[in-house]
C-alpha atoms as a PDB file:
ATOM      1  CA  MET A   1     153.073 162.296 147.973  1.00  0.00           C
ATOM      2  CA  ALA A   2     155.721 164.610 150.249  1.00  0.00           C
ATOM      3  CA  SER A   3     157.990 166.581 148.237  1.00  0.00           C
ATOM      4  CA  ASP A   4     161.967 167.829 149.448  1.00  0.00           C
ATOM      5  CA  ARG A   5     159.880 171.040 150.139  1.00  0.00           C
ATOM      6  CA  GLY A   6     157.656 169.321 152.340  1.00  0.00           C
ATOM      7  CA  PRO A   7     154.213 168.306 151.794  1.00  0.00           C
ATOM      8  CA  ARG A   8     152.153 169.488 148.574  1.00  0.00           C
ATOM      9  CA  ARG A   9     148.313 170.969 149.110  1.00  0.00           C
ATOM     10  CA  ILE A  10     145.506 168.757 148.222  1.00  0.00           C
ATOM     11  CA  GLU A  11     142.926 169.151 145.269  1.00  0.00           C
ATOM     12  CA  ILE A  12     139.647 169.373 146.628  1.00  0.00           C
ATOM     13  CA  LEU A  13     136.502 168.516 144.393  1.00  0.00           C
ATOM     14  CA  MET A  14     133.209 169.293 146.093  1.00  0.00           C
ATOM     15  CA  VAL A  15     129.954 168.349 144.244  1.00  0.00           C
ATOM     16  CA  ASP A  16     126.957 169.187 146.001  1.00  0.00           C
ATOM     17  CA  ASP A  17     123.799 171.010 144.613  1.00  0.00           C
ATOM     18  CA  ASP A  18     123.138 173.394 147.946  1.00  0.00           C
ATOM     19  CA  LEU A  19     124.574 176.667 147.033  1.00  0.00           C
ATOM     20  CA  ALA A  20     124.261 177.724 150.792  1.00  0.00           C
ATOM     21  CA  ASP A  21     126.401 174.515 151.558  1.00  0.00           C
ATOM     22  CA  ILE A  22     129.041 175.546 148.993  1.00  0.00           C
ATOM     23  CA  GLU A  23     129.253 179.088 150.200  1.00  0.00           C
ATOM     24  CA  PHE A  24     129.440 177.957 153.579  1.00  0.00           C
ATOM     25  CA  THR A  25     132.237 175.813 153.086  1.00  0.00           C
ATOM     26  CA  ARG A  26     133.924 178.546 150.894  1.00  0.00           C
ATOM     27  CA  ASP A  27     133.743 180.730 153.986  1.00  0.00           C
ATOM     28  CA  VAL A  28     135.026 178.481 156.275  1.00  0.00           C
ATOM     29  CA  LEU A  29     138.259 177.953 154.175  1.00  0.00           C
ATOM     30  CA  ALA A  30     138.482 181.459 153.585  1.00  0.00           C
ATOM     31  CA  GLU A  31     138.214 182.434 157.219  1.00  0.00           C
ATOM     32  CA  HIS A  32     140.999 180.218 158.254  1.00  0.00           C
ATOM     33  CA  ARG A  33     143.022 181.314 154.968  1.00  0.00           C
ATOM     34  CA  ILE A  34     143.275 178.495 153.333  1.00  0.00           C
ATOM     35  CA  ALA A  35     144.902 178.427 150.129  1.00  0.00           C
ATOM     36  CA  ASN A  36     144.243 174.872 148.626  1.00  0.00           C
ATOM     37  CA  ARG A  37     142.227 174.508 145.570  1.00  0.00           C
ATOM     38  CA  MET A  38     138.624 173.704 145.857  1.00  0.00           C
ATOM     39  CA  THR A  39     136.744 173.116 142.702  1.00  0.00           C
ATOM     40  CA  VAL A  40     132.961 172.982 142.920  1.00  0.00           C
ATOM     41  CA  LEU A  41     130.319 171.160 141.004  1.00  0.00           C
ATOM     42  CA  THR A  42     126.687 170.863 141.196  1.00  0.00           C
ATOM     43  CA  ASP A  43     125.607 167.751 139.422  1.00  0.00           C
ATOM     44  CA  GLY A  44     126.560 163.915 139.130  1.00  0.00           C
ATOM     45  CA  ASN A  45     127.218 164.006 135.438  1.00  0.00           C
ATOM     46  CA  SER A  46     129.542 166.946 135.487  1.00  0.00           C
ATOM     47  CA  ALA A  47     131.405 165.287 138.425  1.00  0.00           C
ATOM     48  CA  TRP A  48     131.661 162.412 136.923  1.00  0.00           C
ATOM     49  CA  HIS A  49     133.478 163.822 133.348  1.00  0.00           C
ATOM     50  CA  TYR A  50     135.488 165.825 135.660  1.00  0.00           C
ATOM     51  CA  LEU A  51     136.819 163.078 137.342  1.00  0.00           C
ATOM     52  CA  ARG A  52     137.470 161.120 133.780  1.00  0.00           C
ATOM     53  CA  ARG A  53     138.916 164.211 132.292  1.00  0.00           C
ATOM     54  CA  ASP A  54     136.426 164.160 129.755  1.00  0.00           C
ATOM     55  CA  PRO A  55     135.390 167.234 127.654  1.00  0.00           C
ATOM     56  CA  PRO A  56     135.211 169.742 128.716  1.00  0.00           C
ATOM     57  CA  PHE A  57     137.121 168.654 131.414  1.00  0.00           C
ATOM     58  CA  ASP A  58     139.901 167.456 129.622  1.00  0.00           C
ATOM     59  CA  GLY A  59     142.629 169.446 131.602  1.00  0.00           C
ATOM     60  CA  ALA A  60     141.044 168.719 134.858  1.00  0.00           C
ATOM     61  CA  VAL A  61     143.453 168.477 138.055  1.00  0.00           C
ATOM     62  CA  ARG A  62     142.823 164.952 139.587  1.00  0.00           C
ATOM     63  CA  PRO A  63     141.251 165.796 142.762  1.00  0.00           C
ATOM     64  CA  ASP A  64     143.163 164.192 146.009  1.00  0.00           C
ATOM     65  CA  LEU A  65     139.816 164.597 147.975  1.00  0.00           C
ATOM     66  CA  LEU A  66     135.975 164.790 146.988  1.00  0.00           C
ATOM     67  CA  LEU A  67     133.527 165.839 149.185  1.00  0.00           C
ATOM     68  CA  LEU A  68     130.440 164.509 148.131  1.00  0.00           C
ATOM     69  CA  ASP A  69     127.060 165.024 148.682  1.00  0.00           C
ATOM     70  CA  LEU A  70     124.528 162.064 147.831  1.00  0.00           C
ATOM     71  CA  ASN A  71     121.585 164.024 146.866  1.00  0.00           C
ATOM     72  CA  LEU A  72     122.599 165.142 143.632  1.00  0.00           C
ATOM     73  CA  PRO A  73     120.731 166.116 140.104  1.00  0.00           C
ATOM     74  CA  GLY A  74     121.914 163.525 137.447  1.00  0.00           C
ATOM     75  CA  ILE A  75     124.063 160.799 138.481  1.00  0.00           C
ATOM     76  CA  ASP A  76     123.560 160.758 142.519  1.00  0.00           C
ATOM     77  CA  GLY A  77     126.198 160.421 144.836  1.00  0.00           C
ATOM     78  CA  LEU A  78     125.845 156.907 145.583  1.00  0.00           C
ATOM     79  CA  THR A  79     125.631 156.368 141.821  1.00  0.00           C
ATOM     80  CA  LEU A  80     128.944 158.202 141.469  1.00  0.00           C
ATOM     81  CA  LEU A  81     130.776 156.622 144.493  1.00  0.00           C
ATOM     82  CA  ASP A  82     130.130 153.029 142.774  1.00  0.00           C
ATOM     83  CA  LEU A  83     131.439 154.658 139.462  1.00  0.00           C
ATOM     84  CA  VAL A  84     134.516 155.893 141.366  1.00  0.00           C
ATOM     85  CA  ARG A  85     135.284 152.520 143.018  1.00  0.00           C
ATOM     86  CA  ALA A  86     134.698 150.709 139.679  1.00  0.00           C
ATOM     87  CA  ASP A  87     137.203 152.879 138.043  1.00  0.00           C
ATOM     88  CA  ALA A  88     141.096 151.747 137.986  1.00  0.00           C
ATOM     89  CA  GLU A  89     142.457 155.113 138.107  1.00  0.00           C
ATOM     90  CA  LEU A  90     139.878 156.617 140.460  1.00  0.00           C
ATOM     91  CA  ARG A  91     139.353 153.350 142.884  1.00  0.00           C
ATOM     92  CA  ASP A  92     141.853 155.073 145.451  1.00  0.00           C
ATOM     93  CA  LEU A  93     140.339 158.407 145.319  1.00  0.00           C
ATOM     94  CA  LYS A  94     139.702 159.518 149.147  1.00  0.00           C
ATOM     95  CA  VAL A  95     135.783 160.366 149.396  1.00  0.00           C
ATOM     96  CA  ALA A  96     134.274 162.438 152.398  1.00  0.00           C
ATOM     97  CA  VAL A  97     130.489 162.167 152.074  1.00  0.00           C
ATOM     98  CA  LEU A  98     128.595 164.789 153.090  1.00  0.00           C
ATOM     99  CA  THR A  99     125.449 164.051 155.252  1.00  0.00           C
ATOM    100  CA  THR A 100     122.558 166.157 156.581  1.00  0.00           C
ATOM    101  CA  ALA A 101     122.331 164.429 160.156  1.00  0.00           C
ATOM    102  CA  PRO A 102     124.496 161.824 162.153  1.00  0.00           C
ATOM    103  CA  VAL A 103     121.837 159.320 162.006  1.00  0.00           C
ATOM    104  CA  ASP A 104     122.549 159.327 158.220  1.00  0.00           C
ATOM    105  CA  GLU A 105     126.097 158.050 158.324  1.00  0.00           C
ATOM    106  CA  SER A 106     125.205 155.205 160.622  1.00  0.00           C
ATOM    107  CA  ILE A 107     122.397 154.153 158.074  1.00  0.00           C
ATOM    108  CA  LEU A 108     125.317 154.511 155.311  1.00  0.00           C
ATOM    109  CA  ARG A 109     127.775 152.576 157.003  1.00  0.00           C
ATOM    110  CA  ARG A 110     125.356 149.892 157.414  1.00  0.00           C
ATOM    111  CA  ARG A 111     124.669 149.717 153.906  1.00  0.00           C
ATOM    112  CA  GLY A 112     128.346 149.749 153.199  1.00  0.00           C
ATOM    113  CA  VAL A 113     128.690 153.023 151.348  1.00  0.00           C
ATOM    114  CA  PRO A 114     132.502 152.620 150.220  1.00  0.00           C
ATOM    115  CA  ALA A 115     133.682 156.226 151.624  1.00  0.00           C
ATOM    116  CA  HIS A 116     136.573 156.837 154.004  1.00  0.00           C
ATOM    117  CA  CYS A 117     134.233 158.975 156.048  1.00  0.00           C
ATOM    118  CA  PHE A 118     131.185 160.927 156.646  1.00  0.00           C
ATOM    119  CA  LEU A 119     130.925 164.971 157.319  1.00  0.00           C
ATOM    120  CA  LEU A 120     127.864 166.458 158.804  1.00  0.00           C
ATOM    121  CA  LYS A 121     126.848 169.317 156.654  1.00  0.00           C
ATOM    122  CA  PRO A 122     127.758 172.104 156.979  1.00  0.00           C
ATOM    123  CA  VAL A 123     131.200 171.398 156.843  1.00  0.00           C
ATOM    124  CA  ASP A 124     133.002 171.605 160.066  1.00  0.00           C
ATOM    125  CA  PHE A 125     136.428 173.075 159.785  1.00  0.00           C
ATOM    126  CA  ASP A 126     138.117 170.765 162.475  1.00  0.00           C
ATOM    127  CA  ARG A 127     136.599 167.796 160.879  1.00  0.00           C
ATOM    128  CA  LEU A 128     137.568 168.539 157.581  1.00  0.00           C
ATOM    129  CA  VAL A 129     141.132 169.062 158.934  1.00  0.00           C
ATOM    130  CA  GLN A 130     141.019 165.314 160.138  1.00  0.00           C
ATOM    131  CA  VAL A 131     139.828 163.931 157.055  1.00  0.00           C
ATOM    132  CA  VAL A 132     142.601 165.794 155.375  1.00  0.00           C
ATOM    133  CA  ARG A 133     145.175 164.463 157.641  1.00  0.00           C
ATOM    134  CA  GLN A 134     144.052 160.823 156.570  1.00  0.00           C
ATOM    135  CA  VAL A 135     145.293 161.778 153.236  1.00  0.00           C
ATOM    136  CA  ASP A 136     148.632 160.741 153.333  1.00  0.00           C
ATOM    137  CA  GLY A 137     151.442 163.440 152.619  1.00  0.00           C
ATOM    138  CA  PHE A 138     148.790 166.264 151.998  1.00  0.00           C
ATOM    139  CA  HIS A 139     147.994 169.152 154.068  1.00  0.00           C
ATOM    140  CA  LEU A 140     145.884 172.198 153.834  1.00  0.00           C
ATOM    141  CA  GLN A 141     148.042 175.400 152.869  1.00  0.00           C
ATOM    142  CA  VAL A 142     147.506 178.203 155.076  1.00  0.00           C
ATOM    143  CA  GLU A 143     148.175 181.497 153.813  1.00  0.00           C
ATOM    144  CA  ARG A 144     150.163 183.389 156.077  1.00  0.00           C
ATOM    145  CA  PRO A 145     149.696 187.666 156.180  1.00  0.00           C
ATOM    146  CA  THR A 146     152.636 189.118 154.747  1.00  0.00           C
END
């Protein structure tokens, strides 16, 4: 939702257990001087508790965009996505599923995976910008040199 000062920065939650993909995504955001906060969790159980704001995440900021890998320890990504869609407070959360190959996306779409979009890993910055633009009234915040 936009304010009088313009659109607010989106909060991103990335759930992925591949440390190389996490670092790559952080590096891409840093390279483009993106100031949006991105919280990273590496398993489905922590992600579910974070989204529900269960302890120890009771003060967590509700994300606007969930970048979700499907192959997670604990609760897997498909189950987590089903839980999100079944929860009245979370069902409208924008979800971008992270896939390892273009063929994954077509298989997942045919299976009816309830995601807003699919992003090929490692995350491509231009595609991420397109996804963020789908989140009405939000934007990536670029830090300007002073």
